Amino acid sequence: MEEGWKESIQASVLHGTEKFVAGMLKELKGDRRTGMREKERLSLEWSRIVAAIAKVWKAPWEVVSRQRGNGAVGLAYYLGQRHAGMTLRKLGKYMGEVEYPAVSVAIARFQNRLKTERSLQRRVKQIEKLLKVEV
């Protein structure tokens, strides 16, 4: 093959300024999960999330997490994914080997409840304030 074939492929796939193309190439070289691991390492820990939920619910996490229908577990998954960058698989392990599709469904259900339930919206705001996370 002739010299420069990589550049011609890049030119046909990535359109933009040289700076943009260089930045995209840098991004494409790395592991796509590196950014998430970095975010996860630098932000919230699971223990802080569940402690904040327990404080707002005014009961120990062990009790709150076992009660059906209160939204606490879905909220923990939601916050873990949204603010800590945790994977579905990791969130499931925190709750006792729950499979990641079940975690995904729990987050989706929680988000649907969050759209309509004012009391849940207030609790989420309180918890995000306690955790000092950007909304």
C-alpha atoms as a PDB file:
ATOM      1  CA  MET A   1       0.000   0.000   0.000  1.00  0.00           C
ATOM      2  CA  GLU A   2       1.118   3.492  -0.638  1.00  0.00           C
ATOM      3  CA  GLU A   3       2.317   5.851   2.072  1.00  0.00           C
ATOM      4  CA  GLY A   4      -0.375   8.066   3.575  1.00  0.00           C
ATOM      5  CA  TRP A   5      -3.359   5.762   3.149  1.00  0.00           C
ATOM      6  CA  LYS A   6      -4.320   6.252   6.823  1.00  0.00           C
ATOM      7  CA  GLU A   7      -4.448  10.003   6.391  1.00  0.00           C
ATOM      8  CA  SER A   8      -6.722   9.701   3.360  1.00  0.00           C
ATOM      9  CA  ILE A   9      -9.116   7.456   5.286  1.00  0.00           C
ATOM     10  CA  GLN A  10      -9.088   9.894   8.222  1.00  0.00           C
ATOM     11  CA  ALA A  11      -9.744  12.772   5.869  1.00  0.00           C
ATOM     12  CA  SER A  12     -12.733  10.979   4.392  1.00  0.00           C
ATOM     13  CA  VAL A  13     -14.197  10.048   7.773  1.00  0.00           C
ATOM     14  CA  LEU A  14     -13.355  13.017   9.993  1.00  0.00           C
ATOM     15  CA  HIS A  15     -14.311  16.411   8.666  1.00  0.00           C
ATOM     16  CA  GLY A  16     -13.290  19.617  10.372  1.00  0.00           C
ATOM     17  CA  THR A  17     -10.304  21.698  11.275  1.00  0.00           C
ATOM     18  CA  GLU A  18      -6.913  20.103  11.845  1.00  0.00           C
ATOM     19  CA  LYS A  19      -7.304  20.774  15.567  1.00  0.00           C
ATOM     20  CA  PHE A  20     -10.689  19.004  15.608  1.00  0.00           C
ATOM     21  CA  VAL A  21      -9.364  15.996  13.655  1.00  0.00           C
ATOM     22  CA  ALA A  22      -6.290  15.761  15.931  1.00  0.00           C
ATOM     23  CA  GLY A  23      -8.523  15.856  19.018  1.00  0.00           C
ATOM     24  CA  MET A  24     -10.835  13.187  17.642  1.00  0.00           C
ATOM     25  CA  LEU A  25      -7.903  10.939  16.731  1.00  0.00           C
ATOM     26  CA  LYS A  26      -6.566  11.313  20.266  1.00  0.00           C
ATOM     27  CA  GLU A  27      -9.990  10.339  21.654  1.00  0.00           C
ATOM     28  CA  LEU A  28     -10.263   7.357  19.314  1.00  0.00           C
ATOM     29  CA  LYS A  29      -6.861   5.963  20.304  1.00  0.00           C
ATOM     30  CA  GLY A  30      -7.706   5.528  23.978  1.00  0.00           C
ATOM     31  CA  ASP A  31      -9.931   3.096  25.807  1.00  0.00           C
ATOM     32  CA  ARG A  32     -13.483   4.436  25.535  1.00  0.00           C
ATOM     33  CA  ARG A  33     -14.148   3.594  29.180  1.00  0.00           C
ATOM     34  CA  THR A  34     -11.140   5.491  30.499  1.00  0.00           C
ATOM     35  CA  GLY A  35     -13.129   8.699  30.873  1.00  0.00           C
ATOM     36  CA  MET A  36     -15.849   6.939  32.826  1.00  0.00           C
ATOM     37  CA  ARG A  37     -13.334   5.293  35.149  1.00  0.00           C
ATOM     38  CA  GLU A  38     -11.714   8.667  35.725  1.00  0.00           C
ATOM     39  CA  LYS A  39     -15.088  10.269  36.479  1.00  0.00           C
ATOM     40  CA  GLU A  40     -16.026   7.401  38.765  1.00  0.00           C
ATOM     41  CA  ARG A  41     -12.763   7.575  40.674  1.00  0.00           C
ATOM     42  CA  LEU A  42     -12.991  11.318  41.213  1.00  0.00           C
ATOM     43  CA  SER A  43     -16.645  11.661  42.202  1.00  0.00           C
ATOM     44  CA  LEU A  44     -19.186  10.142  44.539  1.00  0.00           C
ATOM     45  CA  GLU A  45     -18.809   6.889  46.358  1.00  0.00           C
ATOM     46  CA  TRP A  46     -21.698   4.469  46.838  1.00  0.00           C
ATOM     47  CA  SER A  47     -21.460   4.840  50.619  1.00  0.00           C
ATOM     48  CA  ARG A  48     -22.060   8.612  50.392  1.00  0.00           C
ATOM     49  CA  ILE A  49     -25.050   8.097  48.090  1.00  0.00           C
ATOM     50  CA  VAL A  50     -26.791   5.586  50.360  1.00  0.00           C
ATOM     51  CA  ALA A  51     -25.958   7.616  53.491  1.00  0.00           C
ATOM     52  CA  ALA A  52     -27.610  10.702  51.962  1.00  0.00           C
ATOM     53  CA  ILE A  53     -30.680   8.680  50.964  1.00  0.00           C
ATOM     54  CA  ALA A  54     -30.937   7.215  54.472  1.00  0.00           C
ATOM     55  CA  LYS A  55     -30.664  10.694  55.990  1.00  0.00           C
ATOM     56  CA  VAL A  56     -33.474  12.108  53.821  1.00  0.00           C
ATOM     57  CA  TRP A  57     -35.669   9.029  54.382  1.00  0.00           C
ATOM     58  CA  LYS A  58     -34.850   9.256  58.132  1.00  0.00           C
ATOM     59  CA  ALA A  59     -34.143   5.526  58.411  1.00  0.00           C
ATOM     60  CA  PRO A  60     -31.096   3.264  58.056  1.00  0.00           C
ATOM     61  CA  TRP A  61     -30.218   2.279  54.460  1.00  0.00           C
ATOM     62  CA  GLU A  62     -30.655  -1.398  55.357  1.00  0.00           C
ATOM     63  CA  VAL A  63     -34.311  -0.675  56.180  1.00  0.00           C
ATOM     64  CA  VAL A  64     -34.987   1.851  53.402  1.00  0.00           C
ATOM     65  CA  SER A  65     -33.499  -0.366  50.697  1.00  0.00           C
ATOM     66  CA  ARG A  66     -35.753  -3.301  51.656  1.00  0.00           C
ATOM     67  CA  GLN A  67     -39.017  -1.344  51.601  1.00  0.00           C
ATOM     68  CA  ARG A  68     -40.997  -1.791  48.418  1.00  0.00           C
ATOM     69  CA  GLY A  69     -42.305   1.153  46.443  1.00  0.00           C
ATOM     70  CA  ASN A  70     -40.410   3.964  48.164  1.00  0.00           C
ATOM     71  CA  GLY A  71     -38.039   4.586  45.229  1.00  0.00           C
ATOM     72  CA  ALA A  72     -34.877   4.530  47.346  1.00  0.00           C
ATOM     73  CA  VAL A  73     -33.069   1.797  45.418  1.00  0.00           C
ATOM     74  CA  GLY A  74     -34.011   3.285  42.053  1.00  0.00           C
ATOM     75  CA  LEU A  75     -32.795   6.655  43.316  1.00  0.00           C
ATOM     76  CA  ALA A  76     -29.490   5.138  44.439  1.00  0.00           C
ATOM     77  CA  TYR A  77     -28.987   3.559  41.009  1.00  0.00           C
ATOM     78  CA  TYR A  78     -29.981   6.827  39.316  1.00  0.00           C
ATOM     79  CA  LEU A  79     -27.542   8.916  41.369  1.00  0.00           C
ATOM     80  CA  GLY A  80     -24.781   6.344  41.003  1.00  0.00           C
ATOM     81  CA  GLN A  81     -25.104   6.374  37.236  1.00  0.00           C
ATOM     82  CA  ARG A  82     -25.787  10.081  36.781  1.00  0.00           C
ATOM     83  CA  HIS A  83     -23.400  11.672  39.258  1.00  0.00           C
ATOM     84  CA  ALA A  84     -20.764   9.018  39.901  1.00  0.00           C
ATOM     85  CA  GLY A  85     -20.514   7.503  36.420  1.00  0.00           C
ATOM     86  CA  MET A  86     -20.908   3.974  37.802  1.00  0.00           C
ATOM     87  CA  THR A  87     -21.705   1.214  35.365  1.00  0.00           C
ATOM     88  CA  LEU A  88     -24.965  -0.729  35.571  1.00  0.00           C
ATOM     89  CA  ARG A  89     -22.984  -3.853  36.400  1.00  0.00           C
ATOM     90  CA  LYS A  90     -21.204  -2.154  39.314  1.00  0.00           C
ATOM     91  CA  LEU A  91     -24.453  -0.697  40.649  1.00  0.00           C
ATOM     92  CA  GLY A  92     -25.989  -4.166  40.568  1.00  0.00           C
ATOM     93  CA  LYS A  93     -23.092  -5.592  42.577  1.00  0.00           C
ATOM     94  CA  TYR A  94     -23.651  -2.979  45.282  1.00  0.00           C
ATOM     95  CA  MET A  95     -27.210  -4.240  45.722  1.00  0.00           C
ATOM     96  CA  GLY A  96     -26.256  -7.909  45.909  1.00  0.00           C
ATOM     97  CA  GLU A  97     -25.491  -9.240  42.435  1.00  0.00           C
ATOM     98  CA  VAL A  98     -28.476  -7.694  40.658  1.00  0.00           C
ATOM     99  CA  GLU A  99     -28.052  -8.163  36.898  1.00  0.00           C
ATOM    100  CA  TYR A 100     -27.395  -5.023  34.874  1.00  0.00           C
ATOM    101  CA  PRO A 101     -30.606  -5.238  32.775  1.00  0.00           C
ATOM    102  CA  ALA A 102     -32.618  -5.151  36.016  1.00  0.00           C
ATOM    103  CA  VAL A 103     -30.661  -2.088  37.149  1.00  0.00           C
ATOM    104  CA  SER A 104     -31.399  -0.408  33.823  1.00  0.00           C
ATOM    105  CA  VAL A 105     -35.126  -1.107  34.176  1.00  0.00           C
ATOM    106  CA  ALA A 106     -35.100   0.180  37.770  1.00  0.00           C
ATOM    107  CA  ILE A 107     -33.468   3.446  36.656  1.00  0.00           C
ATOM    108  CA  ALA A 108     -35.985   3.886  33.823  1.00  0.00           C
ATOM    109  CA  ARG A 109     -38.904   3.269  36.187  1.00  0.00           C
ATOM    110  CA  PHE A 110     -37.459   5.679  38.720  1.00  0.00           C
ATOM    111  CA  GLN A 111     -37.056   8.373  36.058  1.00  0.00           C
ATOM    112  CA  ASN A 112     -40.699   7.909  35.006  1.00  0.00           C
ATOM    113  CA  ARG A 113     -41.850   8.287  38.623  1.00  0.00           C
ATOM    114  CA  LEU A 114     -39.627  11.331  39.023  1.00  0.00           C
ATOM    115  CA  LYS A 115     -41.497  13.112  36.222  1.00  0.00           C
ATOM    116  CA  THR A 116     -44.795  13.088  38.101  1.00  0.00           C
ATOM    117  CA  GLU A 117     -44.173  12.651  41.851  1.00  0.00           C
ATOM    118  CA  ARG A 118     -43.469  15.967  43.571  1.00  0.00           C
ATOM    119  CA  SER A 119     -42.438  14.377  46.866  1.00  0.00           C
ATOM    120  CA  LEU A 120     -39.827  12.286  45.083  1.00  0.00           C
ATOM    121  CA  GLN A 121     -38.592  15.370  43.211  1.00  0.00           C
ATOM    122  CA  ARG A 122     -38.146  17.193  46.541  1.00  0.00           C
ATOM    123  CA  ARG A 123     -36.211  14.277  47.998  1.00  0.00           C
ATOM    124  CA  VAL A 124     -33.916  14.113  44.976  1.00  0.00           C
ATOM    125  CA  LYS A 125     -33.188  17.850  45.316  1.00  0.00           C
ATOM    126  CA  GLN A 126     -32.440  17.427  49.025  1.00  0.00           C
ATOM    127  CA  ILE A 127     -30.077  14.532  48.359  1.00  0.00           C
ATOM    128  CA  GLU A 128     -28.290  16.277  45.501  1.00  0.00           C
ATOM    129  CA  LYS A 129     -27.825  19.291  47.791  1.00  0.00           C
ATOM    130  CA  LEU A 130     -26.438  17.053  50.549  1.00  0.00           C
ATOM    131  CA  LEU A 131     -24.042  15.432  48.082  1.00  0.00           C
ATOM    132  CA  LYS A 132     -23.140  18.828  46.601  1.00  0.00           C
ATOM    133  CA  VAL A 133     -23.482  17.615  43.025  1.00  0.00           C
ATOM    134  CA  GLU A 134     -24.304  19.684  39.969  1.00  0.00           C
ATOM    135  CA  VAL A 135     -27.817  19.099  38.729  1.00  0.00           C
END
